[in-house]
C-alpha cells in the first residue's frame, strides 16, 4: 500500500530525487537495498521484501524487477539478488 501511495500521490519524483529518501523508502518496504544504489524515477519493483541490491547498482529507466512467475497454474516465488556493481539497462 505504501508503494502504491507514493505512485498515486505524486511524491515518487521527490522521493527518488535523493539517495537517502529512496533508500529509506525501499528499506521501509522491506527491500535490502544498499545506500549507493542509483535508479531512474521510472522503475518498478514488485514483491519488494524479496529484493536485495548490492553496492553501486544502477537501474535504468523502465526496469521491472519481479520475484514471482506463473508457470501454467503454478506460482513460482523466489528472492532476487542483484550483486555489487551491476548495471541493468533501460526497459529490462
PDB file of N, CA and C in Angstrom:
ATOM      1  N   UNK A   1       0.830  -1.182   0.000  1.00  0.00           N
ATOM      2  CA  UNK A   1       0.000   0.000   0.000  1.00  0.00           C
ATOM      3  C   UNK A   1       0.887   1.264   0.000  1.00  0.00           C
ATOM      4  N   UNK A   2       1.990   1.224   0.744  1.00  0.00           N
ATOM      5  CA  UNK A   2       2.890   2.383   0.777  1.00  0.00           C
ATOM      6  C   UNK A   2       3.522   2.625  -0.592  1.00  0.00           C
ATOM      7  N   UNK A   3       3.874   1.557  -1.278  1.00  0.00           N
ATOM      8  CA  UNK A   3       4.461   1.675  -2.618  1.00  0.00           C
ATOM      9  C   UNK A   3       3.464   2.312  -3.578  1.00  0.00           C
ATOM     10  N   UNK A   4       2.211   1.872  -3.560  1.00  0.00           N
ATOM     11  CA  UNK A   4       1.181   2.447  -4.427  1.00  0.00           C
ATOM     12  C   UNK A   4       0.877   3.886  -4.054  1.00  0.00           C
ATOM     13  N   UNK A   5       0.879   4.173  -2.758  1.00  0.00           N
ATOM     14  CA  UNK A   5       0.575   5.530  -2.303  1.00  0.00           C
ATOM     15  C   UNK A   5       1.601   6.534  -2.824  1.00  0.00           C
ATOM     16  N   UNK A   6       2.864   6.138  -2.875  1.00  0.00           N
ATOM     17  CA  UNK A   6       3.885   7.060  -3.387  1.00  0.00           C
ATOM     18  C   UNK A   6       3.695   7.324  -4.876  1.00  0.00           C
ATOM     19  N   UNK A   7       3.218   6.306  -5.608  1.00  0.00           N
ATOM     20  CA  UNK A   7       2.997   6.490  -7.047  1.00  0.00           C
ATOM     21  C   UNK A   7       1.783   7.373  -7.307  1.00  0.00           C
ATOM     22  N   UNK A   8       0.703   7.147  -6.559  1.00  0.00           N
ATOM     23  CA  UNK A   8      -0.546   7.865  -6.813  1.00  0.00           C
ATOM     24  C   UNK A   8      -0.528   9.286  -6.261  1.00  0.00           C
ATOM     25  N   UNK A   9       0.224   9.541  -5.218  1.00  0.00           N
ATOM     26  CA  UNK A   9       0.212  10.859  -4.593  1.00  0.00           C
ATOM     27  C   UNK A   9       1.087  11.879  -5.305  1.00  0.00           C
ATOM     28  N   UNK A  10       1.914  11.435  -6.212  1.00  0.00           N
ATOM     29  CA  UNK A  10       2.808  12.343  -6.906  1.00  0.00           C
ATOM     30  C   UNK A  10       4.119  12.588  -6.171  1.00  0.00           C
ATOM     31  N   UNK A  11       4.351  11.859  -5.092  1.00  0.00           N
ATOM     32  CA  UNK A  11       5.585  12.017  -4.325  1.00  0.00           C
ATOM     33  C   UNK A  11       6.756  11.223  -4.892  1.00  0.00           C
ATOM     34  N   UNK A  12       6.488  10.359  -5.827  1.00  0.00           N
ATOM     35  CA  UNK A  12       7.541   9.491  -6.366  1.00  0.00           C
ATOM     36  C   UNK A  12       8.758  10.263  -6.883  1.00  0.00           C
ATOM     37  N   UNK A  13       8.578  11.326  -7.706  1.00  0.00           N
ATOM     38  CA  UNK A  13       9.770  12.066  -8.166  1.00  0.00           C
ATOM     39  C   UNK A  13      10.558  12.697  -7.024  1.00  0.00           C
ATOM     40  N   UNK A  14       9.866  13.171  -6.007  1.00  0.00           N
ATOM     41  CA  UNK A  14      10.553  13.785  -4.870  1.00  0.00           C
ATOM     42  C   UNK A  14      11.314  12.728  -4.077  1.00  0.00           C
ATOM     43  N   UNK A  15      10.680  11.595  -3.810  1.00  0.00           N
ATOM     44  CA  UNK A  15      11.315  10.536  -3.024  1.00  0.00           C
ATOM     45  C   UNK A  15      12.500   9.900  -3.745  1.00  0.00           C
ATOM     46  N   UNK A  16      12.461   9.886  -5.080  1.00  0.00           N
ATOM     47  CA  UNK A  16      13.543   9.270  -5.839  1.00  0.00           C
ATOM     48  C   UNK A  16      14.631  10.266  -6.233  1.00  0.00           C
ATOM     49  N   UNK A  17      14.497  11.511  -5.831  1.00  0.00           N
ATOM     50  CA  UNK A  17      15.485  12.533  -6.174  1.00  0.00           C
ATOM     51  C   UNK A  17      16.755  12.441  -5.331  1.00  0.00           C
ATOM     52  N   UNK A  18      16.650  11.859  -4.157  1.00  0.00           N
ATOM     53  CA  UNK A  18      17.774  11.813  -3.227  1.00  0.00           C
ATOM     54  C   UNK A  18      18.058  10.375  -2.810  1.00  0.00           C
ATOM     55  N   UNK A  19      19.346  10.033  -2.685  1.00  0.00           N
ATOM     56  CA  UNK A  19      19.726   8.689  -2.251  1.00  0.00           C
ATOM     57  C   UNK A  19      19.086   8.331  -0.924  1.00  0.00           C
ATOM     58  N   UNK A  20      19.112   9.236   0.025  1.00  0.00           N
ATOM     59  CA  UNK A  20      18.623   8.939   1.362  1.00  0.00           C
ATOM     60  C   UNK A  20      17.126   8.662   1.377  1.00  0.00           C
ATOM     61  N   UNK A  21      16.332   9.487   0.707  1.00  0.00           N
ATOM     62  CA  UNK A  21      14.881   9.262   0.707  1.00  0.00           C
ATOM     63  C   UNK A  21      14.518   7.970  -0.023  1.00  0.00           C
ATOM     64  N   UNK A  22      15.187   7.678  -1.134  1.00  0.00           N
ATOM     65  CA  UNK A  22      14.933   6.431  -1.871  1.00  0.00           C
ATOM     66  C   UNK A  22      15.347   5.232  -1.025  1.00  0.00           C
ATOM     67  N   UNK A  23      16.495   5.322  -0.386  1.00  0.00           N
ATOM     68  CA  UNK A  23      16.989   4.260   0.478  1.00  0.00           C
ATOM     69  C   UNK A  23      16.008   3.987   1.616  1.00  0.00           C
ATOM     70  N   UNK A  24      15.555   5.046   2.289  1.00  0.00           N
ATOM     71  CA  UNK A  24      14.632   4.876   3.414  1.00  0.00           C
ATOM     72  C   UNK A  24      13.282   4.330   2.967  1.00  0.00           C
ATOM     73  N   UNK A  25      12.789   4.772   1.813  1.00  0.00           N
ATOM     74  CA  UNK A  25      11.507   4.276   1.298  1.00  0.00           C
ATOM     75  C   UNK A  25      11.560   2.770   1.070  1.00  0.00           C
ATOM     76  N   UNK A  26      12.563   2.299   0.335  1.00  0.00           N
ATOM     77  CA  UNK A  26      12.609   0.876   0.000  1.00  0.00           C
ATOM     78  C   UNK A  26      13.017   0.013   1.188  1.00  0.00           C
ATOM     79  N   UNK A  27      13.762   0.566   2.122  1.00  0.00           N
ATOM     80  CA  UNK A  27      14.035  -0.168   3.370  1.00  0.00           C
ATOM     81  C   UNK A  27      12.747  -0.311   4.177  1.00  0.00           C
ATOM     82  N   UNK A  28      11.911   0.731   4.186  1.00  0.00           N
ATOM     83  CA  UNK A  28      10.626   0.671   4.888  1.00  0.00           C
ATOM     84  C   UNK A  28       9.701  -0.341   4.229  1.00  0.00           C
ATOM     85  N   UNK A  29       9.824  -0.513   2.921  1.00  0.00           N
ATOM     86  CA  UNK A  29       9.013  -1.505   2.215  1.00  0.00           C
ATOM     87  C   UNK A  29       9.557  -2.923   2.381  1.00  0.00           C
ATOM     88  N   UNK A  30      10.759  -3.071   2.925  1.00  0.00           N
ATOM     89  CA  UNK A  30      11.306  -4.388   3.204  1.00  0.00           C
ATOM     90  C   UNK A  30      12.436  -4.842   2.309  1.00  0.00           C
ATOM     91  N   UNK A  31      12.809  -4.047   1.318  1.00  0.00           N
ATOM     92  CA  UNK A  31      13.905  -4.430   0.430  1.00  0.00           C
ATOM     93  C   UNK A  31      15.242  -4.235   1.127  1.00  0.00           C
ATOM     94  N   UNK A  32      16.211  -5.018   0.722  1.00  0.00           N
ATOM     95  CA  UNK A  32      17.576  -4.877   1.243  1.00  0.00           C
ATOM     96  C   UNK A  32      18.399  -4.189   0.158  1.00  0.00           C
ATOM     97  N   UNK A  33      18.307  -2.861   0.111  1.00  0.00           N
ATOM     98  CA  UNK A  33      18.975  -2.070  -0.918  1.00  0.00           C
ATOM     99  C   UNK A  33      20.093  -1.282  -0.261  1.00  0.00           C
ATOM    100  N   UNK A  34      21.271  -1.318  -0.873  1.00  0.00           N
ATOM    101  CA  UNK A  34      22.395  -0.559  -0.317  1.00  0.00           C
ATOM    102  C   UNK A  34      22.174   0.934  -0.543  1.00  0.00           C
ATOM    103  N   UNK A  35      22.831   1.728   0.252  1.00  0.00           N
ATOM    104  CA  UNK A  35      22.650   3.175   0.201  1.00  0.00           C
ATOM    105  C   UNK A  35      23.079   3.767  -1.140  1.00  0.00           C
ATOM    106  N   UNK A  36      24.081   3.241  -1.774  1.00  0.00           N
ATOM    107  CA  UNK A  36      24.612   3.826  -3.005  1.00  0.00           C
ATOM    108  C   UNK A  36      23.916   3.399  -4.270  1.00  0.00           C
ATOM    109  N   UNK A  37      22.806   2.682  -4.198  1.00  0.00           N
ATOM    110  CA  UNK A  37      22.101   2.250  -5.403  1.00  0.00           C
ATOM    111  C   UNK A  37      21.546   3.462  -6.143  1.00  0.00           C
ATOM    112  N   UNK A  38      21.720   3.478  -7.444  1.00  0.00           N
ATOM    113  CA  UNK A  38      21.270   4.603  -8.268  1.00  0.00           C
ATOM    114  C   UNK A  38      20.191   4.109  -9.218  1.00  0.00           C
ATOM    115  N   UNK A  39      19.073   4.819  -9.250  1.00  0.00           N
ATOM    116  CA  UNK A  39      17.962   4.409 -10.103  1.00  0.00           C
ATOM    117  C   UNK A  39      17.386   5.616 -10.818  1.00  0.00           C
ATOM    118  N   UNK A  40      16.671   5.331 -11.889  1.00  0.00           N
ATOM    119  CA  UNK A  40      15.907   6.396 -12.534  1.00  0.00           C
ATOM    120  C   UNK A  40      14.599   6.556 -11.759  1.00  0.00           C
ATOM    121  N   UNK A  41      13.777   7.488 -12.165  1.00  0.00           N
ATOM    122  CA  UNK A  41      12.496   7.683 -11.486  1.00  0.00           C
ATOM    123  C   UNK A  41      11.497   6.620 -11.919  1.00  0.00           C
ATOM    124  N   UNK A  42      11.545   6.209 -13.167  1.00  0.00           N
ATOM    125  CA  UNK A  42      10.576   5.257 -13.703  1.00  0.00           C
ATOM    126  C   UNK A  42      11.121   3.831 -13.689  1.00  0.00           C
ATOM    127  N   UNK A  43      10.922   3.149 -12.580  1.00  0.00           N
ATOM    128  CA  UNK A  43      11.235   1.721 -12.487  1.00  0.00           C
ATOM    129  C   UNK A  43      10.207   1.081 -11.578  1.00  0.00           C
ATOM    130  N   UNK A  44      10.058  -0.244 -11.667  1.00  0.00           N
ATOM    131  CA  UNK A  44       9.049  -0.952 -10.888  1.00  0.00           C
ATOM    132  C   UNK A  44       9.709  -2.088 -10.119  1.00  0.00           C
ATOM    133  N   UNK A  45       9.481  -2.129  -8.827  1.00  0.00           N
ATOM    134  CA  UNK A  45       9.899  -3.256  -8.001  1.00  0.00           C
ATOM    135  C   UNK A  45       8.643  -3.930  -7.471  1.00  0.00           C
ATOM    136  N   UNK A  46       8.490  -5.224  -7.766  1.00  0.00           N
ATOM    137  CA  UNK A  46       7.348  -5.999  -7.310  1.00  0.00           C
ATOM    138  C   UNK A  46       7.866  -7.021  -6.297  1.00  0.00           C
ATOM    139  N   UNK A  47       7.076  -7.331  -5.281  1.00  0.00           N
ATOM    140  CA  UNK A  47       7.496  -8.243  -4.214  1.00  0.00           C
ATOM    141  C   UNK A  47       8.740  -7.682  -3.530  1.00  0.00           C
ATOM    142  N   UNK A  48       8.662  -6.446  -3.124  1.00  0.00           N
ATOM    143  CA  UNK A  48       9.802  -5.686  -2.608  1.00  0.00           C
ATOM    144  C   UNK A  48      10.555  -6.387  -1.470  1.00  0.00           C
ATOM    145  N   UNK A  49       9.902  -7.047  -0.510  1.00  0.00           N
ATOM    146  CA  UNK A  49      10.673  -7.678   0.579  1.00  0.00           C
ATOM    147  C   UNK A  49      11.625  -8.791   0.127  1.00  0.00           C
ATOM    148  N   UNK A  50      11.463  -9.282  -1.093  1.00  0.00           N
ATOM    149  CA  UNK A  50      12.314 -10.363  -1.587  1.00  0.00           C
ATOM    150  C   UNK A  50      13.482  -9.863  -2.434  1.00  0.00           C
ATOM    151  N   UNK A  51      13.663  -8.559  -2.543  1.00  0.00           N
ATOM    152  CA  UNK A  51      14.702  -7.992  -3.404  1.00  0.00           C
ATOM    153  C   UNK A  51      15.903  -7.547  -2.577  1.00  0.00           C
ATOM    154  N   UNK A  52      17.100  -7.915  -3.047  1.00  0.00           N
ATOM    155  CA  UNK A  52      18.354  -7.493  -2.431  1.00  0.00           C
ATOM    156  C   UNK A  52      19.224  -6.880  -3.519  1.00  0.00           C
ATOM    157  N   UNK A  53      19.716  -5.667  -3.267  1.00  0.00           N
ATOM    158  CA  UNK A  53      20.594  -4.999  -4.222  1.00  0.00           C
ATOM    159  C   UNK A  53      21.896  -4.641  -3.535  1.00  0.00           C
ATOM    160  N   UNK A  54      23.010  -4.931  -4.195  1.00  0.00           N
ATOM    161  CA  UNK A  54      24.330  -4.647  -3.650  1.00  0.00           C
ATOM    162  C   UNK A  54      24.751  -3.200  -3.856  1.00  0.00           C
ATOM    163  N   UNK A  55      26.001  -2.938  -3.549  1.00  0.00           N
ATOM    164  CA  UNK A  55      26.554  -1.586  -3.641  1.00  0.00           C
ATOM    165  C   UNK A  55      26.762  -1.178  -5.092  1.00  0.00           C
ATOM    166  N   UNK A  56      26.589   0.100  -5.356  1.00  0.00           N
ATOM    167  CA  UNK A  56      26.847   0.714  -6.664  1.00  0.00           C
ATOM    168  C   UNK A  56      26.024   0.118  -7.799  1.00  0.00           C
ATOM    169  N   UNK A  57      24.810  -0.329  -7.532  1.00  0.00           N
ATOM    170  CA  UNK A  57      23.926  -0.823  -8.589  1.00  0.00           C
ATOM    171  C   UNK A  57      23.257   0.350  -9.286  1.00  0.00           C
ATOM    172  N   UNK A  58      23.006   0.180 -10.574  1.00  0.00           N
ATOM    173  CA  UNK A  58      22.325   1.202 -11.358  1.00  0.00           C
ATOM    174  C   UNK A  58      21.168   0.542 -12.085  1.00  0.00           C
ATOM    175  N   UNK A  59      19.957   1.084 -11.911  1.00  0.00           N
ATOM    176  CA  UNK A  59      18.775   0.613 -12.627  1.00  0.00           C
ATOM    177  C   UNK A  59      18.358   1.693 -13.613  1.00  0.00           C
ATOM    178  N   UNK A  60      18.251   1.338 -14.877  1.00  0.00           N
ATOM    179  CA  UNK A  60      17.851   2.297 -15.894  1.00  0.00           C
ATOM    180  C   UNK A  60      16.355   2.526 -15.910  1.00  0.00           C
ATOM    181  N   UNK A  61      15.922   3.396 -16.800  1.00  0.00           N
ATOM    182  CA  UNK A  61      14.506   3.735 -16.906  1.00  0.00           C
ATOM    183  C   UNK A  61      13.708   2.553 -17.443  1.00  0.00           C
ATOM    184  N   UNK A  62      12.536   2.315 -16.864  1.00  0.00           N
ATOM    185  CA  UNK A  62      11.644   1.267 -17.329  1.00  0.00           C
ATOM    186  C   UNK A  62      12.017  -0.130 -16.872  1.00  0.00           C
ATOM    187  N   UNK A  63      12.930  -0.263 -15.934  1.00  0.00           N
ATOM    188  CA  UNK A  63      13.315  -1.579 -15.412  1.00  0.00           C
ATOM    189  C   UNK A  63      12.186  -2.117 -14.550  1.00  0.00           C
ATOM    190  N   UNK A  64      11.880  -3.391 -14.705  1.00  0.00           N
ATOM    191  CA  UNK A  64      10.818  -4.054 -13.951  1.00  0.00           C
ATOM    192  C   UNK A  64      11.424  -5.287 -13.291  1.00  0.00           C
ATOM    193  N   UNK A  65      11.482  -5.300 -11.967  1.00  0.00           N
ATOM    194  CA  UNK A  65      12.032  -6.445 -11.236  1.00  0.00           C
ATOM    195  C   UNK A  65      10.910  -7.096 -10.441  1.00  0.00           C
ATOM    196  N   UNK A  66      10.672  -8.362 -10.724  1.00  0.00           N
ATOM    197  CA  UNK A  66       9.597  -9.096 -10.072  1.00  0.00           C
ATOM    198  C   UNK A  66      10.149 -10.400  -9.512  1.00  0.00           C
ATOM    199  N   UNK A  67       9.653 -10.798  -8.374  1.00  0.00           N
ATOM    200  CA  UNK A  67      10.126 -12.028  -7.724  1.00  0.00           C
ATOM    201  C   UNK A  67       9.156 -13.186  -7.919  1.00  0.00           C
ATOM    202  N   UNK A  68       8.153 -13.003  -8.746  1.00  0.00           N
ATOM    203  CA  UNK A  68       7.219 -14.108  -8.986  1.00  0.00           C
ATOM    204  C   UNK A  68       7.077 -14.369 -10.483  1.00  0.00           C
ATOM    205  N   UNK A  69       6.659 -15.597 -10.766  1.00  0.00           N
ATOM    206  CA  UNK A  69       6.495 -16.032 -12.144  1.00  0.00           C
ATOM    207  C   UNK A  69       5.401 -17.091 -12.164  1.00  0.00           C
ATOM    208  N   UNK A  70       4.483 -17.016 -13.117  1.00  0.00           N
ATOM    209  CA  UNK A  70       3.441 -18.014 -13.259  1.00  0.00           C
ATOM    210  C   UNK A  70       3.863 -19.015 -14.319  1.00  0.00           C
ATOM    211  N   UNK A  71       3.871 -20.292 -13.957  1.00  0.00           N
ATOM    212  CA  UNK A  71       4.192 -21.378 -14.869  1.00  0.00           C
ATOM    213  C   UNK A  71       2.970 -22.273 -14.945  1.00  0.00           C
ATOM    214  N   UNK A  72       2.130 -22.018 -15.935  1.00  0.00           N
ATOM    215  CA  UNK A  72       0.862 -22.726 -16.026  1.00  0.00           C
ATOM    216  C   UNK A  72      -0.032 -22.313 -14.866  1.00  0.00           C
ATOM    217  N   UNK A  73      -0.353 -23.276 -14.004  1.00  0.00           N
ATOM    218  CA  UNK A  73      -1.189 -22.987 -12.837  1.00  0.00           C
ATOM    219  C   UNK A  73      -0.364 -22.830 -11.570  1.00  0.00           C
ATOM    220  N   UNK A  74       0.952 -22.918 -11.694  1.00  0.00           N
ATOM    221  CA  UNK A  74       1.828 -22.807 -10.523  1.00  0.00           C
ATOM    222  C   UNK A  74       2.393 -21.400 -10.399  1.00  0.00           C
ATOM    223  N   UNK A  75       2.542 -20.954  -9.167  1.00  0.00           N
ATOM    224  CA  UNK A  75       3.175 -19.685  -8.875  1.00  0.00           C
ATOM    225  C   UNK A  75       4.567 -19.971  -8.336  1.00  0.00           C
ATOM    226  N   UNK A  76       5.575 -19.467  -9.013  1.00  0.00           N
ATOM    227  CA  UNK A  76       6.957 -19.613  -8.572  1.00  0.00           C
ATOM    228  C   UNK A  76       7.351 -18.298  -7.899  1.00  0.00           C
ATOM    229  N   UNK A  77       7.782 -18.349  -6.654  1.00  0.00           N
ATOM    230  CA  UNK A  77       8.158 -17.161  -5.895  1.00  0.00           C
ATOM    231  C   UNK A  77       9.550 -17.379  -5.334  1.00  0.00           C
ATOM    232  N   UNK A  78      10.505 -16.574  -5.788  1.00  0.00           N
ATOM    233  CA  UNK A  78      11.896 -16.707  -5.357  1.00  0.00           C
ATOM    234  C   UNK A  78      12.492 -15.323  -5.111  1.00  0.00           C
ATOM    235  N   UNK A  79      13.437 -15.218  -4.192  1.00  0.00           N
ATOM    236  CA  UNK A  79      14.102 -13.929  -3.986  1.00  0.00           C
ATOM    237  C   UNK A  79      14.992 -13.563  -5.172  1.00  0.00           C
ATOM    238  N   UNK A  80      15.139 -12.271  -5.413  1.00  0.00           N
ATOM    239  CA  UNK A  80      16.012 -11.764  -6.460  1.00  0.00           C
ATOM    240  C   UNK A  80      17.165 -11.036  -5.785  1.00  0.00           C
ATOM    241  N   UNK A  81      18.387 -11.449  -6.114  1.00  0.00           N
ATOM    242  CA  UNK A  81      19.574 -10.816  -5.561  1.00  0.00           C
ATOM    243  C   UNK A  81      20.384 -10.222  -6.703  1.00  0.00           C
ATOM    244  N   UNK A  82      20.655  -8.935  -6.597  1.00  0.00           N
ATOM    245  CA  UNK A  82      21.474  -8.233  -7.578  1.00  0.00           C
ATOM    246  C   UNK A  82      22.770  -7.887  -6.859  1.00  0.00           C
ATOM    247  N   UNK A  83      23.880  -8.335  -7.402  1.00  0.00           N
ATOM    248  CA  UNK A  83      25.174  -8.176  -6.741  1.00  0.00           C
ATOM    249  C   UNK A  83      25.709  -6.754  -6.777  1.00  0.00           C
ATOM    250  N   UNK A  84      26.934  -6.609  -6.342  1.00  0.00           N
ATOM    251  CA  UNK A  84      27.610  -5.312  -6.333  1.00  0.00           C
ATOM    252  C   UNK A  84      28.019  -4.901  -7.747  1.00  0.00           C
ATOM    253  N   UNK A  85      28.021  -3.594  -8.007  1.00  0.00           N
ATOM    254  CA  UNK A  85      28.500  -3.016  -9.274  1.00  0.00           C
ATOM    255  C   UNK A  85      27.787  -3.554 -10.496  1.00  0.00           C
ATOM    256  N   UNK A  86      26.453  -3.685 -10.416  1.00  0.00           N
ATOM    257  CA  UNK A  86      25.647  -4.210 -11.525  1.00  0.00           C
ATOM    258  C   UNK A  86      24.903  -3.061 -12.196  1.00  0.00           C
ATOM    259  N   UNK A  87      24.889  -3.064 -13.534  1.00  0.00           N
ATOM    260  CA  UNK A  87      24.146  -2.087 -14.306  1.00  0.00           C
ATOM    261  C   UNK A  87      23.056  -2.828 -15.056  1.00  0.00           C
ATOM    262  N   UNK A  88      21.791  -2.454 -14.838  1.00  0.00           N
ATOM    263  CA  UNK A  88      20.663  -3.039 -15.577  1.00  0.00           C
ATOM    264  C   UNK A  88      20.147  -1.936 -16.484  1.00  0.00           C
ATOM    265  N   UNK A  89      20.241  -2.175 -17.787  1.00  0.00           N
ATOM    266  CA  UNK A  89      19.931  -1.152 -18.778  1.00  0.00           C
ATOM    267  C   UNK A  89      18.439  -0.845 -18.835  1.00  0.00           C
ATOM    268  N   UNK A  90      18.073   0.149 -19.595  1.00  0.00           N
ATOM    269  CA  UNK A  90      16.684   0.594 -19.698  1.00  0.00           C
ATOM    270  C   UNK A  90      15.779  -0.464 -20.276  1.00  0.00           C
ATOM    271  N   UNK A  91      14.557  -0.487 -19.797  1.00  0.00           N
ATOM    272  CA  UNK A  91      13.470  -1.335 -20.277  1.00  0.00           C
ATOM    273  C   UNK A  91      13.777  -2.826 -20.222  1.00  0.00           C
ATOM    274  N   UNK A  92      14.399  -3.265 -19.155  1.00  0.00           N
ATOM    275  CA  UNK A  92      14.666  -4.692 -18.939  1.00  0.00           C
ATOM    276  C   UNK A  92      13.653  -5.253 -17.962  1.00  0.00           C
TER     277      UNK A  92
END
